[in-house]
Amino acid sequence: MNQWVYLNGEYVPREMARISVFDHGFLYGDGVFEGIRAYNGRVFKLGEHLKRLFDSAKAISLKIPLSFQELKEKILETLRKNQLRDAYIRIVVSRGEGDLGLDPGKCPNPQVVIIADRISIYPEKFYQEGLEVVTVGTRRNLSSALDPRIKSLNYLNNILAKLEASMRGAAEAIMLNQEGYVTECTGDNIFIVDKGTLITPPDWAGILKGITRDVVIELAREDNIPVEEKVFTPFAVYTSDECFLTGTAAEIIPVTKVDGKVIGSGKAGPVTCRLISRFRELTQREGVPIYKKEEKDG
């Protein structure tokens, strides 16, 4: 069966999904994107992801050529055409075709691409045994240079950190800001648990404000787990009782070793396990229905 990709108003086979080499997204990373998950025939937190996409686009003065509702419908139709119930959806909006110069004013037609496929970031054993991560020397972008709250196509900062982690044999990298505080990993937000309190860096510290991050905070508060958004150093990670990462693709994954130091008991802790269970249960029953039957059943 063909994999169908939405490309500027058409659904085309994967091998025909092409854009110009003069597109500013290709030439300069000039654009924005979102990654979204569908579970059990429903798209999880679709509205929240689309709001972040439109906010990111607004922050770089990029006009998305579809309305919020139109884009939502195109995402659902892409899933239907690919006959997917459980999927990863990637939306890319680039500045569009221009010339070899930097001027975005020469790119009159932004490009919209929607890809729906399956994804597996980490083997299941890591959700049981935990990840080993390292703190890298690559610092998170300064907000005054390229605000990490903009989910842009320019991910070189994250890629350099990922390369550094890979060279050290680690699955992920913890990135610090210019002041030496923990911000996030290359594709995930970070949480620690200290004496029963869940702690995560605030968005102003230099992070992408994750959708899964917000869900985890909400679930924790529902379970009467104290939550604090505050800055902390790697020392706080080393001495924490638990540590885990959150992201749309990775979901919630425990971290059991950081820079060679064992975190807590060396396995996923009770708060982490509880939140993983609650999150997985939530994804199976909440979301925007892909197919009409689920809409009626809901």
C-alpha atoms as a PDB file:
ATOM      1  CA  MET A   1       0.000   0.000   0.000  1.00  0.00           C
ATOM      2  CA  ASN A   2       1.248   3.476  -0.880  1.00  0.00           C
ATOM      3  CA  GLN A   3       2.163   5.882   1.887  1.00  0.00           C
ATOM      4  CA  TRP A   4       0.278   9.100   1.160  1.00  0.00           C
ATOM      5  CA  VAL A   5       1.711  12.504   2.029  1.00  0.00           C
ATOM      6  CA  TYR A   6      -0.225  15.761   2.097  1.00  0.00           C
ATOM      7  CA  LEU A   7       1.659  18.345   0.051  1.00  0.00           C
ATOM      8  CA  ASN A   8       0.180  21.777  -0.584  1.00  0.00           C
ATOM      9  CA  GLY A   9      -3.416  20.719  -1.123  1.00  0.00           C
ATOM     10  CA  GLU A  10      -2.782  17.295  -2.659  1.00  0.00           C
ATOM     11  CA  TYR A  11      -2.251  13.783  -1.369  1.00  0.00           C
ATOM     12  CA  VAL A  12       0.684  12.256  -3.214  1.00  0.00           C
ATOM     13  CA  PRO A  13       2.607   8.970  -2.882  1.00  0.00           C
ATOM     14  CA  ARG A  14       5.707   9.209  -0.690  1.00  0.00           C
ATOM     15  CA  GLU A  15       8.071   8.962  -3.668  1.00  0.00           C
ATOM     16  CA  MET A  16       6.340  11.931  -5.322  1.00  0.00           C
ATOM     17  CA  ALA A  17       6.430  14.177  -2.228  1.00  0.00           C
ATOM     18  CA  ARG A  18       9.006  16.696  -3.391  1.00  0.00           C
ATOM     19  CA  ILE A  19       9.768  20.344  -2.791  1.00  0.00           C
ATOM     20  CA  SER A  20      12.097  22.764  -4.555  1.00  0.00           C
ATOM     21  CA  VAL A  21      15.780  22.890  -3.653  1.00  0.00           C
ATOM     22  CA  PHE A  22      15.212  26.664  -3.437  1.00  0.00           C
ATOM     23  CA  ASP A  23      12.772  26.233  -0.539  1.00  0.00           C
ATOM     24  CA  HIS A  24      13.956  28.279   2.442  1.00  0.00           C
ATOM     25  CA  GLY A  25      13.135  25.393   4.768  1.00  0.00           C
ATOM     26  CA  PHE A  26      15.762  23.342   2.950  1.00  0.00           C
ATOM     27  CA  LEU A  27      18.250  26.146   2.418  1.00  0.00           C
ATOM     28  CA  TYR A  28      18.064  27.830   5.820  1.00  0.00           C
ATOM     29  CA  GLY A  29      15.853  25.837   8.194  1.00  0.00           C
ATOM     30  CA  ASP A  30      13.287  28.607   7.785  1.00  0.00           C
ATOM     31  CA  GLY A  31      10.020  27.104   8.968  1.00  0.00           C
ATOM     32  CA  VAL A  32       8.230  25.375  11.819  1.00  0.00           C
ATOM     33  CA  PHE A  33       6.995  21.885  12.577  1.00  0.00           C
ATOM     34  CA  GLU A  34       5.047  19.723  14.996  1.00  0.00           C
ATOM     35  CA  GLY A  35       5.081  16.045  15.924  1.00  0.00           C
ATOM     36  CA  ILE A  36       1.736  14.599  17.030  1.00  0.00           C
ATOM     37  CA  ARG A  37       0.610  11.116  18.081  1.00  0.00           C
ATOM     38  CA  ALA A  38      -2.518   9.143  17.322  1.00  0.00           C
ATOM     39  CA  TYR A  39      -3.540   6.319  19.622  1.00  0.00           C
ATOM     40  CA  ASN A  40      -6.373   3.851  19.223  1.00  0.00           C
ATOM     41  CA  GLY A  41      -8.067   5.850  16.470  1.00  0.00           C
ATOM     42  CA  ARG A  42      -7.776   9.243  18.187  1.00  0.00           C
ATOM     43  CA  VAL A  43      -5.297  12.098  17.771  1.00  0.00           C
ATOM     44  CA  PHE A  44      -3.923  13.040  21.167  1.00  0.00           C
ATOM     45  CA  LYS A  45      -3.821  16.733  22.129  1.00  0.00           C
ATOM     46  CA  LEU A  46      -4.350  17.844  18.533  1.00  0.00           C
ATOM     47  CA  GLY A  47      -5.591  21.304  19.490  1.00  0.00           C
ATOM     48  CA  GLU A  48      -2.636  21.954  21.773  1.00  0.00           C
ATOM     49  CA  HIS A  49      -0.141  20.907  19.096  1.00  0.00           C
ATOM     50  CA  LEU A  50      -1.784  23.060  16.452  1.00  0.00           C
ATOM     51  CA  LYS A  51      -1.831  26.067  18.775  1.00  0.00           C
ATOM     52  CA  ARG A  52       1.918  25.654  19.342  1.00  0.00           C
ATOM     53  CA  LEU A  53       2.464  25.346  15.594  1.00  0.00           C
ATOM     54  CA  PHE A  54       0.563  28.563  14.890  1.00  0.00           C
ATOM     55  CA  ASP A  55       2.355  30.323  17.774  1.00  0.00           C
ATOM     56  CA  SER A  56       5.747  29.241  16.418  1.00  0.00           C
ATOM     57  CA  ALA A  57       4.804  30.440  12.952  1.00  0.00           C
ATOM     58  CA  LYS A  58       3.608  33.785  14.296  1.00  0.00           C
ATOM     59  CA  ALA A  59       6.870  34.242  16.194  1.00  0.00           C
ATOM     60  CA  ILE A  60       8.832  34.072  12.922  1.00  0.00           C
ATOM     61  CA  SER A  61       6.257  36.037  10.871  1.00  0.00           C
ATOM     62  CA  LEU A  62       5.297  32.975   8.833  1.00  0.00           C
ATOM     63  CA  LYS A  63       1.717  32.863   7.548  1.00  0.00           C
ATOM     64  CA  ILE A  64       0.303  29.338   7.523  1.00  0.00           C
ATOM     65  CA  PRO A  65      -1.869  29.141   4.376  1.00  0.00           C
ATOM     66  CA  LEU A  66      -4.544  27.040   6.092  1.00  0.00           C
ATOM     67  CA  SER A  67      -6.843  27.911   8.965  1.00  0.00           C
ATOM     68  CA  PHE A  68      -6.667  26.059  12.269  1.00  0.00           C
ATOM     69  CA  GLN A  69      -9.763  23.998  11.345  1.00  0.00           C
ATOM     70  CA  GLU A  70      -8.584  23.326   7.789  1.00  0.00           C
ATOM     71  CA  LEU A  71      -5.232  22.041   9.017  1.00  0.00           C
ATOM     72  CA  LYS A  72      -6.963  19.838  11.572  1.00  0.00           C
ATOM     73  CA  GLU A  73      -9.100  18.258   8.834  1.00  0.00           C
ATOM     74  CA  LYS A  74      -6.085  17.706   6.569  1.00  0.00           C
ATOM     75  CA  ILE A  75      -4.297  15.857   9.394  1.00  0.00           C
ATOM     76  CA  LEU A  76      -7.280  13.576   9.979  1.00  0.00           C
ATOM     77  CA  GLU A  77      -7.667  12.912   6.250  1.00  0.00           C
ATOM     78  CA  THR A  78      -3.949  12.051   5.949  1.00  0.00           C
ATOM     79  CA  LEU A  79      -4.410   9.440   8.661  1.00  0.00           C
ATOM     80  CA  ARG A  80      -7.510   8.064   6.932  1.00  0.00           C
ATOM     81  CA  LYS A  81      -5.786   7.816   3.556  1.00  0.00           C
ATOM     82  CA  ASN A  82      -2.968   5.855   5.192  1.00  0.00           C
ATOM     83  CA  GLN A  83      -5.472   3.696   7.134  1.00  0.00           C
ATOM     84  CA  LEU A  84      -3.723   4.436  10.418  1.00  0.00           C
ATOM     85  CA  ARG A  85      -5.148   4.277  13.926  1.00  0.00           C
ATOM     86  CA  ASP A  86      -1.855   4.447  15.830  1.00  0.00           C
ATOM     87  CA  ALA A  87       0.630   6.816  14.251  1.00  0.00           C
ATOM     88  CA  TYR A  88       3.115   9.633  14.452  1.00  0.00           C
ATOM     89  CA  ILE A  89       2.148  12.732  12.476  1.00  0.00           C
ATOM     90  CA  ARG A  90       4.703  15.284  11.308  1.00  0.00           C
ATOM     91  CA  ILE A  91       3.491  18.690  10.116  1.00  0.00           C
ATOM     92  CA  VAL A  92       6.040  20.916   8.388  1.00  0.00           C
ATOM     93  CA  VAL A  93       5.401  24.489   7.295  1.00  0.00           C
ATOM     94  CA  SER A  94       8.318  26.057   5.444  1.00  0.00           C
ATOM     95  CA  ARG A  95       8.760  29.605   4.197  1.00  0.00           C
ATOM     96  CA  GLY A  96       8.561  28.283   0.649  1.00  0.00           C
ATOM     97  CA  GLU A  97      10.509  28.703  -2.550  1.00  0.00           C
ATOM     98  CA  GLY A  98      12.643  31.821  -2.948  1.00  0.00           C
ATOM     99  CA  ASP A  99      16.118  32.541  -4.210  1.00  0.00           C
ATOM    100  CA  LEU A 100      19.548  31.914  -2.709  1.00  0.00           C
ATOM    101  CA  GLY A 101      19.346  35.055  -0.612  1.00  0.00           C
ATOM    102  CA  LEU A 102      18.090  35.284   2.958  1.00  0.00           C
ATOM    103  CA  ASP A 103      15.170  37.650   2.332  1.00  0.00           C
ATOM    104  CA  PRO A 104      11.953  35.845   3.399  1.00  0.00           C
ATOM    105  CA  GLY A 105       9.970  38.462   1.492  1.00  0.00           C
ATOM    106  CA  LYS A 106      10.991  36.642  -1.693  1.00  0.00           C
ATOM    107  CA  CYS A 107       9.146  33.502  -0.577  1.00  0.00           C
ATOM    108  CA  PRO A 108       5.481  34.255  -1.366  1.00  0.00           C
ATOM    109  CA  ASN A 109       4.052  30.743  -0.996  1.00  0.00           C
ATOM    110  CA  PRO A 110       4.657  28.810   2.246  1.00  0.00           C
ATOM    111  CA  GLN A 111       4.738  25.017   1.892  1.00  0.00           C
ATOM    112  CA  VAL A 112       2.616  22.676   4.040  1.00  0.00           C
ATOM    113  CA  VAL A 113       3.546  19.006   4.395  1.00  0.00           C
ATOM    114  CA  ILE A 114       1.783  16.380   6.530  1.00  0.00           C
ATOM    115  CA  ILE A 115       3.341  12.947   6.986  1.00  0.00           C
ATOM    116  CA  ALA A 116       1.684  10.098   8.901  1.00  0.00           C
ATOM    117  CA  ASP A 117       3.674   6.994   9.789  1.00  0.00           C
ATOM    118  CA  ARG A 118       4.570   4.696  12.647  1.00  0.00           C
ATOM    119  CA  ILE A 119       7.424   5.530  15.012  1.00  0.00           C
ATOM    120  CA  SER A 120       9.472   3.842  17.720  1.00  0.00           C
ATOM    121  CA  ILE A 121      12.149   5.984  19.352  1.00  0.00           C
ATOM    122  CA  TYR A 122      13.342   3.586  22.046  1.00  0.00           C
ATOM    123  CA  PRO A 123      13.048  -0.191  22.490  1.00  0.00           C
ATOM    124  CA  GLU A 124      10.571  -1.271  25.162  1.00  0.00           C
ATOM    125  CA  LYS A 125      13.408  -2.471  27.411  1.00  0.00           C
ATOM    126  CA  PHE A 126      14.425   1.150  28.034  1.00  0.00           C
ATOM    127  CA  TYR A 127      10.975   1.854  29.490  1.00  0.00           C
ATOM    128  CA  GLN A 128      11.676  -0.953  31.966  1.00  0.00           C
ATOM    129  CA  GLU A 129      15.398  -0.468  32.609  1.00  0.00           C
ATOM    130  CA  GLY A 130      15.774   3.256  31.949  1.00  0.00           C
ATOM    131  CA  LEU A 131      18.073   5.344  29.784  1.00  0.00           C
ATOM    132  CA  GLU A 132      21.669   6.351  30.344  1.00  0.00           C
ATOM    133  CA  VAL A 133      22.160  10.014  29.429  1.00  0.00           C
ATOM    134  CA  VAL A 134      25.034  12.491  29.593  1.00  0.00           C
ATOM    135  CA  THR A 135      25.382  16.213  30.154  1.00  0.00           C
ATOM    136  CA  VAL A 136      26.965  17.750  27.072  1.00  0.00           C
ATOM    137  CA  GLY A 137      29.055  20.839  26.457  1.00  0.00           C
ATOM    138  CA  THR A 138      26.767  22.150  23.713  1.00  0.00           C
ATOM    139  CA  ARG A 139      24.673  24.852  25.388  1.00  0.00           C
ATOM    140  CA  ARG A 140      21.017  25.481  24.643  1.00  0.00           C
ATOM    141  CA  ASN A 141      20.313  28.374  22.315  1.00  0.00           C
ATOM    142  CA  LEU A 142      20.039  31.752  23.967  1.00  0.00           C
ATOM    143  CA  SER A 143      16.422  32.914  23.924  1.00  0.00           C
ATOM    144  CA  SER A 144      17.643  36.260  22.586  1.00  0.00           C
ATOM    145  CA  ALA A 145      19.233  34.479  19.613  1.00  0.00           C
ATOM    146  CA  LEU A 146      16.721  31.746  18.725  1.00  0.00           C
ATOM    147  CA  ASP A 147      14.032  31.208  21.331  1.00  0.00           C
ATOM    148  CA  PRO A 148      13.735  27.456  22.106  1.00  0.00           C
ATOM    149  CA  ARG A 149       9.980  27.973  22.525  1.00  0.00           C
ATOM    150  CA  ILE A 150       9.821  28.275  18.728  1.00  0.00           C
ATOM    151  CA  LYS A 151       9.657  24.768  17.279  1.00  0.00           C
ATOM    152  CA  SER A 152      11.584  25.713  14.159  1.00  0.00           C
ATOM    153  CA  LEU A 153      13.152  23.650  11.395  1.00  0.00           C
ATOM    154  CA  ASN A 154      16.561  24.837  12.605  1.00  0.00           C
ATOM    155  CA  TYR A 155      17.491  21.968  14.944  1.00  0.00           C
ATOM    156  CA  LEU A 156      21.263  22.121  14.546  1.00  0.00           C
ATOM    157  CA  ASN A 157      21.702  23.064  18.214  1.00  0.00           C
ATOM    158  CA  ASN A 158      19.911  19.847  19.217  1.00  0.00           C
ATOM    159  CA  ILE A 159      21.717  17.765  16.604  1.00  0.00           C
ATOM    160  CA  LEU A 160      25.149  18.884  17.797  1.00  0.00           C
ATOM    161  CA  ALA A 161      24.195  17.866  21.333  1.00  0.00           C
ATOM    162  CA  LYS A 162      22.885  14.527  20.042  1.00  0.00           C
ATOM    163  CA  LEU A 163      26.149  13.897  18.195  1.00  0.00           C
ATOM    164  CA  GLU A 164      28.101  14.616  21.364  1.00  0.00           C
ATOM    165  CA  ALA A 165      25.957  12.154  23.318  1.00  0.00           C
ATOM    166  CA  SER A 166      26.321   9.485  20.625  1.00  0.00           C
ATOM    167  CA  MET A 167      30.113   9.834  20.648  1.00  0.00           C
ATOM    168  CA  ARG A 168      29.977   9.170  24.397  1.00  0.00           C
ATOM    169  CA  GLY A 169      27.763   6.113  23.969  1.00  0.00           C
ATOM    170  CA  ALA A 170      24.628   7.671  25.462  1.00  0.00           C
ATOM    171  CA  ALA A 171      21.081   7.638  24.130  1.00  0.00           C
ATOM    172  CA  GLU A 172      20.326  11.238  25.046  1.00  0.00           C
ATOM    173  CA  ALA A 173      21.972  14.494  26.041  1.00  0.00           C
ATOM    174  CA  ILE A 174      21.104  16.932  28.809  1.00  0.00           C
ATOM    175  CA  MET A 175      21.645  20.492  27.638  1.00  0.00           C
ATOM    176  CA  LEU A 176      22.430  23.368  29.983  1.00  0.00           C
ATOM    177  CA  ASN A 177      21.714  27.047  29.414  1.00  0.00           C
ATOM    178  CA  GLN A 178      24.364  29.767  29.505  1.00  0.00           C
ATOM    179  CA  GLU A 179      24.052  30.036  33.301  1.00  0.00           C
ATOM    180  CA  GLY A 180      24.693  26.306  33.775  1.00  0.00           C
ATOM    181  CA  TYR A 181      21.121  25.320  34.645  1.00  0.00           C
ATOM    182  CA  VAL A 182      19.502  22.207  33.200  1.00  0.00           C
ATOM    183  CA  THR A 183      17.087  23.011  30.356  1.00  0.00           C
ATOM    184  CA  GLU A 184      16.062  19.899  28.429  1.00  0.00           C
ATOM    185  CA  CYS A 185      17.356  17.087  26.254  1.00  0.00           C
ATOM    186  CA  THR A 186      17.713  17.106  22.480  1.00  0.00           C
ATOM    187  CA  GLY A 187      14.130  16.004  21.881  1.00  0.00           C
ATOM    188  CA  ASP A 188      12.549  15.739  25.317  1.00  0.00           C
ATOM    189  CA  ASN A 189      11.799  17.703  28.455  1.00  0.00           C
ATOM    190  CA  ILE A 190      13.310  16.551  31.750  1.00  0.00           C
ATOM    191  CA  PHE A 191      11.824  15.947  35.195  1.00  0.00           C
ATOM    192  CA  ILE A 192      13.364  14.943  38.496  1.00  0.00           C
ATOM    193  CA  VAL A 193      11.714  13.729  41.692  1.00  0.00           C
ATOM    194  CA  ASP A 194      13.137  14.960  44.984  1.00  0.00           C
ATOM    195  CA  LYS A 195      11.557  13.879  48.271  1.00  0.00           C
ATOM    196  CA  GLY A 196       8.220  13.272  46.576  1.00  0.00           C
ATOM    197  CA  THR A 197       8.142  16.567  44.657  1.00  0.00           C
ATOM    198  CA  LEU A 198       8.175  16.591  40.872  1.00  0.00           C
ATOM    199  CA  ILE A 199      10.497  19.299  39.502  1.00  0.00           C
ATOM    200  CA  THR A 200      11.007  20.495  35.931  1.00  0.00           C
ATOM    201  CA  PRO A 201      12.707  23.579  34.431  1.00  0.00           C
ATOM    202  CA  PRO A 202      10.409  26.548  33.676  1.00  0.00           C
ATOM    203  CA  ASP A 203       9.880  27.594  30.061  1.00  0.00           C
ATOM    204  CA  TRP A 204      11.856  30.833  30.531  1.00  0.00           C
ATOM    205  CA  ALA A 205      15.009  28.836  31.355  1.00  0.00           C
ATOM    206  CA  GLY A 206      15.403  27.897  27.684  1.00  0.00           C
ATOM    207  CA  ILE A 207      13.099  24.999  26.848  1.00  0.00           C
ATOM    208  CA  LEU A 208      10.495  24.043  24.318  1.00  0.00           C
ATOM    209  CA  LYS A 209       7.286  23.939  26.334  1.00  0.00           C
ATOM    210  CA  GLY A 210       6.322  20.348  25.671  1.00  0.00           C
ATOM    211  CA  ILE A 211       2.760  19.133  25.231  1.00  0.00           C
ATOM    212  CA  THR A 212       3.597  15.861  27.004  1.00  0.00           C
ATOM    213  CA  ARG A 213       5.340  17.895  29.711  1.00  0.00           C
ATOM    214  CA  ASP A 214       2.109  19.783  30.376  1.00  0.00           C
ATOM    215  CA  VAL A 215       0.086  16.549  30.453  1.00  0.00           C
ATOM    216  CA  VAL A 216       2.482  15.040  33.003  1.00  0.00           C
ATOM    217  CA  ILE A 217       2.231  18.108  35.238  1.00  0.00           C
ATOM    218  CA  GLU A 218      -1.567  17.889  35.079  1.00  0.00           C
ATOM    219  CA  LEU A 219      -1.589  14.154  35.846  1.00  0.00           C
ATOM    220  CA  ALA A 220       0.773  14.647  38.789  1.00  0.00           C
ATOM    221  CA  ARG A 221      -1.408  17.342  40.305  1.00  0.00           C
ATOM    222  CA  GLU A 222      -4.480  15.120  39.893  1.00  0.00           C
ATOM    223  CA  ASP A 223      -2.603  12.487  41.902  1.00  0.00           C
ATOM    224  CA  ASN A 224      -1.677  15.069  44.582  1.00  0.00           C
ATOM    225  CA  ILE A 225       2.007  14.945  43.653  1.00  0.00           C
ATOM    226  CA  PRO A 226       3.586  18.358  44.390  1.00  0.00           C
ATOM    227  CA  VAL A 227       4.953  19.999  41.233  1.00  0.00           C
ATOM    228  CA  GLU A 228       7.520  22.806  40.999  1.00  0.00           C
ATOM    229  CA  GLU A 229       8.783  24.561  37.887  1.00  0.00           C
ATOM    230  CA  LYS A 230      12.188  25.903  38.860  1.00  0.00           C
ATOM    231  CA  VAL A 231      15.790  25.941  37.697  1.00  0.00           C
ATOM    232  CA  PHE A 232      18.279  23.363  38.947  1.00  0.00           C
ATOM    233  CA  THR A 233      21.826  22.251  38.219  1.00  0.00           C
ATOM    234  CA  PRO A 234      23.205  18.829  37.224  1.00  0.00           C
ATOM    235  CA  PHE A 235      23.944  18.252  40.916  1.00  0.00           C
ATOM    236  CA  ALA A 236      20.198  18.149  41.581  1.00  0.00           C
ATOM    237  CA  VAL A 237      19.833  15.516  38.880  1.00  0.00           C
ATOM    238  CA  TYR A 238      22.647  13.373  40.300  1.00  0.00           C
ATOM    239  CA  THR A 239      21.132  13.446  43.785  1.00  0.00           C
ATOM    240  CA  SER A 240      17.487  13.075  42.755  1.00  0.00           C
ATOM    241  CA  ASP A 241      15.355  10.103  43.708  1.00  0.00           C
ATOM    242  CA  GLU A 242      14.016   9.688  40.178  1.00  0.00           C
ATOM    243  CA  CYS A 243      14.513  11.197  36.744  1.00  0.00           C
ATOM    244  CA  PHE A 244      12.553  10.837  33.529  1.00  0.00           C
ATOM    245  CA  LEU A 245      12.105  12.448  30.130  1.00  0.00           C
ATOM    246  CA  THR A 246       8.906  13.395  28.301  1.00  0.00           C
ATOM    247  CA  GLY A 247       8.161  13.961  24.643  1.00  0.00           C
ATOM    248  CA  THR A 248       5.532  13.259  22.017  1.00  0.00           C
ATOM    249  CA  ALA A 249       7.554  10.503  20.379  1.00  0.00           C
ATOM    250  CA  ALA A 250       9.255   9.119  23.511  1.00  0.00           C
ATOM    251  CA  GLU A 251       6.210   9.618  25.779  1.00  0.00           C
ATOM    252  CA  ILE A 252       7.545   9.138  29.362  1.00  0.00           C
ATOM    253  CA  ILE A 253      10.825   7.282  29.703  1.00  0.00           C
ATOM    254  CA  PRO A 254      12.873   6.731  32.891  1.00  0.00           C
ATOM    255  CA  VAL A 255      16.484   7.827  33.250  1.00  0.00           C
ATOM    256  CA  THR A 256      18.542   5.621  35.540  1.00  0.00           C
ATOM    257  CA  LYS A 257      22.085   6.879  34.943  1.00  0.00           C
ATOM    258  CA  VAL A 258      23.411  10.380  34.241  1.00  0.00           C
ATOM    259  CA  ASP A 259      27.099  11.043  33.519  1.00  0.00           C
ATOM    260  CA  GLY A 260      27.872   7.584  34.882  1.00  0.00           C
ATOM    261  CA  LYS A 261      26.057   8.249  38.169  1.00  0.00           C
ATOM    262  CA  VAL A 262      23.194   5.977  39.180  1.00  0.00           C
ATOM    263  CA  ILE A 263      19.923   7.820  39.799  1.00  0.00           C
ATOM    264  CA  GLY A 264      17.978   6.707  42.850  1.00  0.00           C
ATOM    265  CA  SER A 265      17.722   2.929  43.050  1.00  0.00           C
ATOM    266  CA  GLY A 266      18.964   2.493  39.491  1.00  0.00           C
ATOM    267  CA  LYS A 267      15.547   1.605  38.094  1.00  0.00           C
ATOM    268  CA  ALA A 268      12.308   3.382  37.281  1.00  0.00           C
ATOM    269  CA  GLY A 269      10.916   4.845  40.516  1.00  0.00           C
ATOM    270  CA  PRO A 270       7.343   4.718  41.814  1.00  0.00           C
ATOM    271  CA  VAL A 271       6.388   8.239  40.697  1.00  0.00           C
ATOM    272  CA  THR A 272       7.742   7.600  37.206  1.00  0.00           C
ATOM    273  CA  CYS A 273       5.950   4.261  36.928  1.00  0.00           C
ATOM    274  CA  ARG A 274       2.697   5.758  38.171  1.00  0.00           C
ATOM    275  CA  LEU A 275       2.852   8.577  35.624  1.00  0.00           C
ATOM    276  CA  ILE A 276       3.713   6.197  32.777  1.00  0.00           C
ATOM    277  CA  SER A 277       0.666   4.097  33.641  1.00  0.00           C
ATOM    278  CA  ARG A 278      -1.617   7.132  33.913  1.00  0.00           C
ATOM    279  CA  PHE A 279      -0.307   8.623  30.673  1.00  0.00           C
ATOM    280  CA  ARG A 280      -0.759   5.428  28.670  1.00  0.00           C
ATOM    281  CA  GLU A 281      -4.277   5.001  29.965  1.00  0.00           C
ATOM    282  CA  LEU A 282      -5.115   8.596  29.043  1.00  0.00           C
ATOM    283  CA  THR A 283      -3.833   8.270  25.472  1.00  0.00           C
ATOM    284  CA  GLN A 284      -6.121   5.300  24.855  1.00  0.00           C
ATOM    285  CA  ARG A 285      -9.331   7.173  25.634  1.00  0.00           C
ATOM    286  CA  GLU A 286      -8.779  10.869  24.863  1.00  0.00           C
ATOM    287  CA  GLY A 287      -8.289  12.676  21.588  1.00  0.00           C
ATOM    288  CA  VAL A 288      -9.925  13.787  18.351  1.00  0.00           C
ATOM    289  CA  PRO A 289     -11.503  10.803  16.523  1.00  0.00           C
ATOM    290  CA  ILE A 290      -9.960   9.942  13.167  1.00  0.00           C
ATOM    291  CA  TYR A 291     -12.903   7.886  11.957  1.00  0.00           C
ATOM    292  CA  LYS A 292     -16.608   8.658  12.243  1.00  0.00           C
ATOM    293  CA  LYS A 293     -17.372   5.498  14.220  1.00  0.00           C
ATOM    294  CA  GLU A 294     -15.123   6.596  17.095  1.00  0.00           C
ATOM    295  CA  GLU A 295     -16.786  10.011  17.012  1.00  0.00           C
ATOM    296  CA  LYS A 296     -20.214   8.417  17.478  1.00  0.00           C
ATOM    297  CA  ASP A 297     -18.944   6.033  20.147  1.00  0.00           C
ATOM    298  CA  GLY A 298     -17.300   8.937  22.007  1.00  0.00           C
END
